[in-house]
PDB file of N, CA and C in Angstrom:
ATOM      1  N   MET A   1       0.562  -5.673  11.085  1.00  0.00           N
ATOM      2  CA  MET A   1      -0.243  -4.798  11.883  1.00  0.00           C
ATOM      3  C   MET A   1      -0.942  -5.615  12.953  1.00  0.00           C
ATOM      4  N   ASP A   2      -0.574  -5.355  14.135  1.00  0.00           N
ATOM      5  CA  ASP A   2      -1.210  -6.000  15.265  1.00  0.00           C
ATOM      6  C   ASP A   2      -2.647  -5.491  15.329  1.00  0.00           C
ATOM      7  N   LYS A   3      -3.535  -6.278  15.891  1.00  0.00           N
ATOM      8  CA  LYS A   3      -4.925  -5.841  15.973  1.00  0.00           C
ATOM      9  C   LYS A   3      -5.057  -4.553  16.772  1.00  0.00           C
ATOM     10  N   ARG A   4      -4.052  -4.259  17.616  1.00  0.00           N
ATOM     11  CA  ARG A   4      -4.077  -3.016  18.383  1.00  0.00           C
ATOM     12  C   ARG A   4      -3.550  -1.851  17.555  1.00  0.00           C
ATOM     13  N   GLU A   5      -2.809  -2.158  16.506  1.00  0.00           N
ATOM     14  CA  GLU A   5      -2.257  -1.105  15.650  1.00  0.00           C
ATOM     15  C   GLU A   5      -3.392  -0.461  14.853  1.00  0.00           C
ATOM     16  N   PRO A   6      -3.343   0.849  14.688  1.00  0.00           N
ATOM     17  CA  PRO A   6      -4.365   1.487  13.851  1.00  0.00           C
ATOM     18  C   PRO A   6      -4.196   1.070  12.395  1.00  0.00           C
ATOM     19  N   MET A   7      -5.292   0.964  11.690  1.00  0.00           N
ATOM     20  CA  MET A   7      -5.227   0.603  10.280  1.00  0.00           C
ATOM     21  C   MET A   7      -4.647   1.784   9.506  1.00  0.00           C
ATOM     22  N   PRO A   8      -3.867   1.491   8.477  1.00  0.00           N
ATOM     23  CA  PRO A   8      -3.230   2.591   7.741  1.00  0.00           C
ATOM     24  C   PRO A   8      -4.212   3.292   6.812  1.00  0.00           C
ATOM     25  N   THR A   9      -3.937   4.556   6.578  1.00  0.00           N
ATOM     26  CA  THR A   9      -4.697   5.283   5.568  1.00  0.00           C
ATOM     27  C   THR A   9      -4.031   5.021   4.220  1.00  0.00           C
ATOM     28  N   ALA A  10      -4.720   5.343   3.162  1.00  0.00           N
ATOM     29  CA  ALA A  10      -4.155   5.172   1.822  1.00  0.00           C
ATOM     30  C   ALA A  10      -2.883   6.003   1.686  1.00  0.00           C
ATOM     31  N   ASN A  11      -2.872   7.208   2.254  1.00  0.00           N
ATOM     32  CA  ASN A  11      -1.687   8.076   2.144  1.00  0.00           C
ATOM     33  C   ASN A  11      -0.462   7.465   2.802  1.00  0.00           C
ATOM     34  N   LYS A  12      -0.625   6.849   3.981  1.00  0.00           N
ATOM     35  CA  LYS A  12       0.517   6.216   4.659  1.00  0.00           C
ATOM     36  C   LYS A  12       1.037   5.040   3.839  1.00  0.00           C
ATOM     37  N   LEU A  13       0.118   4.244   3.320  1.00  0.00           N
ATOM     38  CA  LEU A  13       0.519   3.088   2.525  1.00  0.00           C
ATOM     39  C   LEU A  13       1.207   3.533   1.238  1.00  0.00           C
ATOM     40  N   LEU A  14       0.669   4.551   0.580  1.00  0.00           N
ATOM     41  CA  LEU A  14       1.275   5.064  -0.651  1.00  0.00           C
ATOM     42  C   LEU A  14       2.653   5.665  -0.375  1.00  0.00           C
ATOM     43  N   ARG A  15       2.807   6.369   0.738  1.00  0.00           N
ATOM     44  CA  ARG A  15       4.093   6.959   1.095  1.00  0.00           C
ATOM     45  C   ARG A  15       5.148   5.858   1.255  1.00  0.00           C
ATOM     46  N   PHE A  16       4.773   4.760   1.927  1.00  0.00           N
ATOM     47  CA  PHE A  16       5.692   3.638   2.112  1.00  0.00           C
ATOM     48  C   PHE A  16       6.050   3.009   0.767  1.00  0.00           C
ATOM     49  N   LEU A  17       5.046   2.744  -0.060  1.00  0.00           N
ATOM     50  CA  LEU A  17       5.295   2.083  -1.344  1.00  0.00           C
ATOM     51  C   LEU A  17       6.145   2.951  -2.268  1.00  0.00           C
ATOM     52  N   ARG A  18       5.910   4.242  -2.270  1.00  0.00           N
ATOM     53  CA  ARG A  18       6.724   5.145  -3.103  1.00  0.00           C
ATOM     54  C   ARG A  18       8.169   5.173  -2.627  1.00  0.00           C
ATOM     55  N   ALA A  19       8.365   5.109  -1.316  1.00  0.00           N
ATOM     56  CA  ALA A  19       9.724   5.076  -0.771  1.00  0.00           C
ATOM     57  C   ALA A  19      10.449   3.790  -1.166  1.00  0.00           C
ATOM     58  N   GLN A  20       9.684   2.749  -1.476  1.00  0.00           N
ATOM     59  CA  GLN A  20      10.266   1.464  -1.876  1.00  0.00           C
ATOM     60  C   GLN A  20      10.450   1.351  -3.390  1.00  0.00           C
ATOM     61  N   GLY A  21      10.151   2.420  -4.125  1.00  0.00           N
ATOM     62  CA  GLY A  21      10.409   2.435  -5.558  1.00  0.00           C
ATOM     63  C   GLY A  21       9.192   2.334  -6.449  1.00  0.00           C
ATOM     64  N   TYR A  22       8.005   2.225  -5.878  1.00  0.00           N
ATOM     65  CA  TYR A  22       6.787   2.166  -6.693  1.00  0.00           C
ATOM     66  C   TYR A  22       6.436   3.555  -7.201  1.00  0.00           C
ATOM     67  N   ARG A  23       5.971   3.623  -8.427  1.00  0.00           N
ATOM     68  CA  ARG A  23       5.576   4.889  -9.050  1.00  0.00           C
ATOM     69  C   ARG A  23       4.167   4.759  -9.626  1.00  0.00           C
ATOM     70  N   GLU A  24       3.475   5.895  -9.683  1.00  0.00           N
ATOM     71  CA  GLU A  24       2.105   5.904 -10.201  1.00  0.00           C
ATOM     72  C   GLU A  24       2.102   5.644 -11.698  1.00  0.00           C
ATOM     73  N   LYS A  25       1.305   4.668 -12.106  1.00  0.00           N
ATOM     74  CA  LYS A  25       1.153   4.389 -13.521  1.00  0.00           C
ATOM     75  C   LYS A  25      -0.103   5.072 -14.045  1.00  0.00           C
ATOM     76  N   ARG A  26      -1.208   4.883 -13.313  1.00  0.00           N
ATOM     77  CA  ARG A  26      -2.449   5.562 -13.698  1.00  0.00           C
ATOM     78  C   ARG A  26      -3.398   5.578 -12.510  1.00  0.00           C
ATOM     79  N   HIS A  27      -4.397   6.421 -12.613  1.00  0.00           N
ATOM     80  CA  HIS A  27      -5.419   6.560 -11.580  1.00  0.00           C
ATOM     81  C   HIS A  27      -6.746   6.265 -12.254  1.00  0.00           C
ATOM     82  N   THR A  28      -7.386   5.200 -11.844  1.00  0.00           N
ATOM     83  CA  THR A  28      -8.662   4.800 -12.438  1.00  0.00           C
ATOM     84  C   THR A  28      -9.734   4.848 -11.367  1.00  0.00           C
ATOM     85  N   GLY A  29     -10.634   5.801 -11.471  1.00  0.00           N
ATOM     86  CA  GLY A  29     -11.665   5.949 -10.452  1.00  0.00           C
ATOM     87  C   GLY A  29     -11.039   6.237  -9.102  1.00  0.00           C
ATOM     88  N   SER A  30     -11.373   5.410  -8.124  1.00  0.00           N
ATOM     89  CA  SER A  30     -10.818   5.614  -6.785  1.00  0.00           C
ATOM     90  C   SER A  30      -9.671   4.651  -6.502  1.00  0.00           C
ATOM     91  N   HIS A  31      -9.052   4.130  -7.543  1.00  0.00           N
ATOM     92  CA  HIS A  31      -7.934   3.196  -7.379  1.00  0.00           C
ATOM     93  C   HIS A  31      -6.692   3.726  -8.094  1.00  0.00           C
ATOM     94  N   LEU A  32      -5.576   3.635  -7.394  1.00  0.00           N
ATOM     95  CA  LEU A  32      -4.300   4.079  -7.948  1.00  0.00           C
ATOM     96  C   LEU A  32      -3.494   2.844  -8.305  1.00  0.00           C
ATOM     97  N   ILE A  33      -3.033   2.774  -9.536  1.00  0.00           N
ATOM     98  CA  ILE A  33      -2.225   1.650  -9.998  1.00  0.00           C
ATOM     99  C   ILE A  33      -0.767   2.085  -9.928  1.00  0.00           C
ATOM    100  N   LEU A  34       0.022   1.310  -9.180  1.00  0.00           N
ATOM    101  CA  LEU A  34       1.443   1.592  -9.008  1.00  0.00           C
ATOM    102  C   LEU A  34       2.247   0.517  -9.707  1.00  0.00           C
ATOM    103  N   VAL A  35       3.413   0.893 -10.214  1.00  0.00           N
ATOM    104  CA  VAL A  35       4.300  -0.070 -10.861  1.00  0.00           C
ATOM    105  C   VAL A  35       5.705   0.106 -10.295  1.00  0.00           C
ATOM    106  N   HIS A  36       6.401  -1.005 -10.159  1.00  0.00           N
ATOM    107  CA  HIS A  36       7.773  -1.024  -9.652  1.00  0.00           C
ATOM    108  C   HIS A  36       8.693  -1.286 -10.839  1.00  0.00           C
ATOM    109  N   PRO A  37       9.941  -0.834 -10.805  1.00  0.00           N
ATOM    110  CA  PRO A  37      10.851  -1.099 -11.923  1.00  0.00           C
ATOM    111  C   PRO A  37      10.994  -2.587 -12.259  1.00  0.00           C
ATOM    112  N   THR A  38      10.693  -3.467 -11.299  1.00  0.00           N
ATOM    113  CA  THR A  38      10.745  -4.910 -11.569  1.00  0.00           C
ATOM    114  C   THR A  38       9.505  -5.376 -12.313  1.00  0.00           C
ATOM    115  N   ARG A  39       8.629  -4.447 -12.697  1.00  0.00           N
ATOM    116  CA  ARG A  39       7.396  -4.689 -13.439  1.00  0.00           C
ATOM    117  C   ARG A  39       6.280  -5.240 -12.561  1.00  0.00           C
ATOM    118  N   ARG A  40       6.453  -5.222 -11.250  1.00  0.00           N
ATOM    119  CA  ARG A  40       5.411  -5.640 -10.326  1.00  0.00           C
ATOM    120  C   ARG A  40       4.399  -4.503 -10.202  1.00  0.00           C
ATOM    121  N   MET A  41       3.105  -4.844 -10.241  1.00  0.00           N
ATOM    122  CA  MET A  41       2.059  -3.826 -10.157  1.00  0.00           C
ATOM    123  C   MET A  41       1.208  -4.043  -8.923  1.00  0.00           C
ATOM    124  N   LEU A  42       0.737  -2.940  -8.349  1.00  0.00           N
ATOM    125  CA  LEU A  42      -0.156  -2.966  -7.201  1.00  0.00           C
ATOM    126  C   LEU A  42      -1.315  -2.022  -7.441  1.00  0.00           C
ATOM    127  N   VAL A  43      -2.470  -2.358  -6.891  1.00  0.00           N
ATOM    128  CA  VAL A  43      -3.637  -1.486  -6.944  1.00  0.00           C
ATOM    129  C   VAL A  43      -3.965  -1.090  -5.515  1.00  0.00           C
ATOM    130  N   VAL A  44      -4.035   0.221  -5.268  1.00  0.00           N
ATOM    131  CA  VAL A  44      -4.322   0.731  -3.928  1.00  0.00           C
ATOM    132  C   VAL A  44      -5.596   1.570  -4.000  1.00  0.00           C
ATOM    133  N   PRO A  45      -6.605   1.226  -3.183  1.00  0.00           N
ATOM    134  CA  PRO A  45      -7.820   2.041  -3.150  1.00  0.00           C
ATOM    135  C   PRO A  45      -7.533   3.363  -2.449  1.00  0.00           C
ATOM    136  N   VAL A  46      -7.983   4.438  -3.036  1.00  0.00           N
ATOM    137  CA  VAL A  46      -7.762   5.764  -2.451  1.00  0.00           C
ATOM    138  C   VAL A  46      -9.125   6.304  -2.041  1.00  0.00           C
ATOM    139  N   HIS A  47      -9.504   5.970  -0.815  1.00  0.00           N
ATOM    140  CA  HIS A  47     -10.774   6.398  -0.246  1.00  0.00           C
ATOM    141  C   HIS A  47     -10.484   7.202   1.005  1.00  0.00           C
ATOM    142  N   LYS A  48     -11.486   7.891   1.516  1.00  0.00           N
ATOM    143  CA  LYS A  48     -11.331   8.578   2.793  1.00  0.00           C
ATOM    144  C   LYS A  48     -11.236   7.526   3.885  1.00  0.00           C
ATOM    145  N   GLY A  49     -10.486   7.820   4.903  1.00  0.00           N
ATOM    146  CA  GLY A  49     -10.406   6.919   6.041  1.00  0.00           C
ATOM    147  C   GLY A  49      -9.356   5.834   5.864  1.00  0.00           C
ATOM    148  N   ASP A  50      -9.498   4.798   6.680  1.00  0.00           N
ATOM    149  CA  ASP A  50      -8.520   3.725   6.725  1.00  0.00           C
ATOM    150  C   ASP A  50      -8.802   2.640   5.695  1.00  0.00           C
ATOM    151  N   ILE A  51      -7.730   1.925   5.335  1.00  0.00           N
ATOM    152  CA  ILE A  51      -7.847   0.744   4.494  1.00  0.00           C
ATOM    153  C   ILE A  51      -8.016  -0.432   5.451  1.00  0.00           C
ATOM    154  N   PRO A  52      -8.969  -1.321   5.231  1.00  0.00           N
ATOM    155  CA  PRO A  52      -9.139  -2.465   6.123  1.00  0.00           C
ATOM    156  C   PRO A  52      -7.838  -3.256   6.286  1.00  0.00           C
ATOM    157  N   ARG A  53      -7.641  -3.810   7.488  1.00  0.00           N
ATOM    158  CA  ARG A  53      -6.398  -4.490   7.839  1.00  0.00           C
ATOM    159  C   ARG A  53      -6.039  -5.594   6.853  1.00  0.00           C
ATOM    160  N   GLY A  54      -6.992  -6.458   6.528  1.00  0.00           N
ATOM    161  CA  GLY A  54      -6.718  -7.571   5.624  1.00  0.00           C
ATOM    162  C   GLY A  54      -6.282  -7.101   4.249  1.00  0.00           C
ATOM    163  N   LEU A  55      -6.925  -6.061   3.748  1.00  0.00           N
ATOM    164  CA  LEU A  55      -6.572  -5.529   2.431  1.00  0.00           C
ATOM    165  C   LEU A  55      -5.189  -4.900   2.446  1.00  0.00           C
ATOM    166  N   SER A  56      -4.882  -4.141   3.488  1.00  0.00           N
ATOM    167  CA  SER A  56      -3.553  -3.514   3.549  1.00  0.00           C
ATOM    168  C   SER A  56      -2.458  -4.572   3.669  1.00  0.00           C
ATOM    169  N   LEU A  57      -2.706  -5.642   4.419  1.00  0.00           N
ATOM    170  CA  LEU A  57      -1.724  -6.723   4.515  1.00  0.00           C
ATOM    171  C   LEU A  57      -1.547  -7.423   3.170  1.00  0.00           C
ATOM    172  N   ARG A  58      -2.629  -7.616   2.418  1.00  0.00           N
ATOM    173  CA  ARG A  58      -2.560  -8.248   1.100  1.00  0.00           C
ATOM    174  C   ARG A  58      -1.766  -7.368   0.131  1.00  0.00           C
ATOM    175  N   ILE A  59      -1.979  -6.064   0.161  1.00  0.00           N
ATOM    176  CA  ILE A  59      -1.240  -5.152  -0.714  1.00  0.00           C
ATOM    177  C   ILE A  59       0.251  -5.219  -0.398  1.00  0.00           C
ATOM    178  N   LEU A  60       0.585  -5.209   0.896  1.00  0.00           N
ATOM    179  CA  LEU A  60       1.994  -5.299   1.291  1.00  0.00           C
ATOM    180  C   LEU A  60       2.600  -6.621   0.842  1.00  0.00           C
ATOM    181  N   LYS A  61       1.882  -7.718   1.046  1.00  0.00           N
ATOM    182  CA  LYS A  61       2.387  -9.033   0.658  1.00  0.00           C
ATOM    183  C   LYS A  61       2.579  -9.115  -0.852  1.00  0.00           C
ATOM    184  N   ASP A  62       1.612  -8.612  -1.616  1.00  0.00           N
ATOM    185  CA  ASP A  62       1.733  -8.616  -3.075  1.00  0.00           C
ATOM    186  C   ASP A  62       2.918  -7.776  -3.540  1.00  0.00           C
ATOM    187  N   GLY A  63       3.250  -6.752  -2.760  1.00  0.00           N
ATOM    188  CA  GLY A  63       4.394  -5.911  -3.094  1.00  0.00           C
ATOM    189  C   GLY A  63       5.729  -6.484  -2.640  1.00  0.00           C
ATOM    190  N   GLY A  64       5.676  -7.584  -1.890  1.00  0.00           N
ATOM    191  CA  GLY A  64       6.894  -8.217  -1.437  1.00  0.00           C
ATOM    192  C   GLY A  64       7.396  -7.704  -0.095  1.00  0.00           C
ATOM    193  N   PHE A  65       6.502  -7.122   0.694  1.00  0.00           N
ATOM    194  CA  PHE A  65       6.879  -6.548   1.980  1.00  0.00           C
ATOM    195  C   PHE A  65       6.155  -7.240   3.112  1.00  0.00           C
ATOM    196  N   SER A  66       6.771  -7.194   4.295  1.00  0.00           N
ATOM    197  CA  SER A  66       6.139  -7.763   5.472  1.00  0.00           C
ATOM    198  C   SER A  66       5.481  -6.635   6.266  1.00  0.00           C
ATOM    199  N   GLU A  67       4.651  -7.048   7.170  1.00  0.00           N
ATOM    200  CA  GLU A  67       3.975  -6.102   8.053  1.00  0.00           C
ATOM    201  C   GLU A  67       4.997  -5.335   8.897  1.00  0.00           C
ATOM    202  N   SER A  68       6.020  -6.036   9.367  1.00  0.00           N
ATOM    203  CA  SER A  68       7.028  -5.385  10.211  1.00  0.00           C
ATOM    204  C   SER A  68       7.825  -4.339   9.433  1.00  0.00           C
ATOM    205  N   GLU A  69       8.089  -4.580   8.150  1.00  0.00           N
ATOM    206  CA  GLU A  69       8.804  -3.579   7.332  1.00  0.00           C
ATOM    207  C   GLU A  69       7.975  -2.299   7.240  1.00  0.00           C
ATOM    208  N   PHE A  70       6.672  -2.454   7.087  1.00  0.00           N
ATOM    209  CA  PHE A  70       5.798  -1.286   6.988  1.00  0.00           C
ATOM    210  C   PHE A  70       5.754  -0.535   8.316  1.00  0.00           C
ATOM    211  N   LEU A  71       5.628  -1.281   9.407  1.00  0.00           N
ATOM    212  CA  LEU A  71       5.513  -0.639  10.716  1.00  0.00           C
ATOM    213  C   LEU A  71       6.811   0.049  11.132  1.00  0.00           C
ATOM    214  N   GLU A  72       7.956  -0.461  10.686  1.00  0.00           N
ATOM    215  CA  GLU A  72       9.243   0.136  11.039  1.00  0.00           C
ATOM    216  C   GLU A  72       9.541   1.401  10.239  1.00  0.00           C
ATOM    217  N   SER A  73       8.834   1.604   9.161  1.00  0.00           N
ATOM    218  CA  SER A  73       9.130   2.771   8.298  1.00  0.00           C
ATOM    219  C   SER A  73       8.570   4.051   8.888  1.00  0.00           C
TER     220      SER A  73
END
């Protein structure tokens, strides 16, 4: 995400991750825990508004994705 790019909302990030094979394992408070068939887990905050740029990049990196893969989707 370029600094000029708008920060993603939780819904956009979740839509991308679900398309990549992640599924909801549980919802704890305002955080959604996703699991991939490879047993990789991610935690995504589900709040109103945008997810901060650094956090969204960390979630993508932990999931094994690059910023460009997310932006191209």
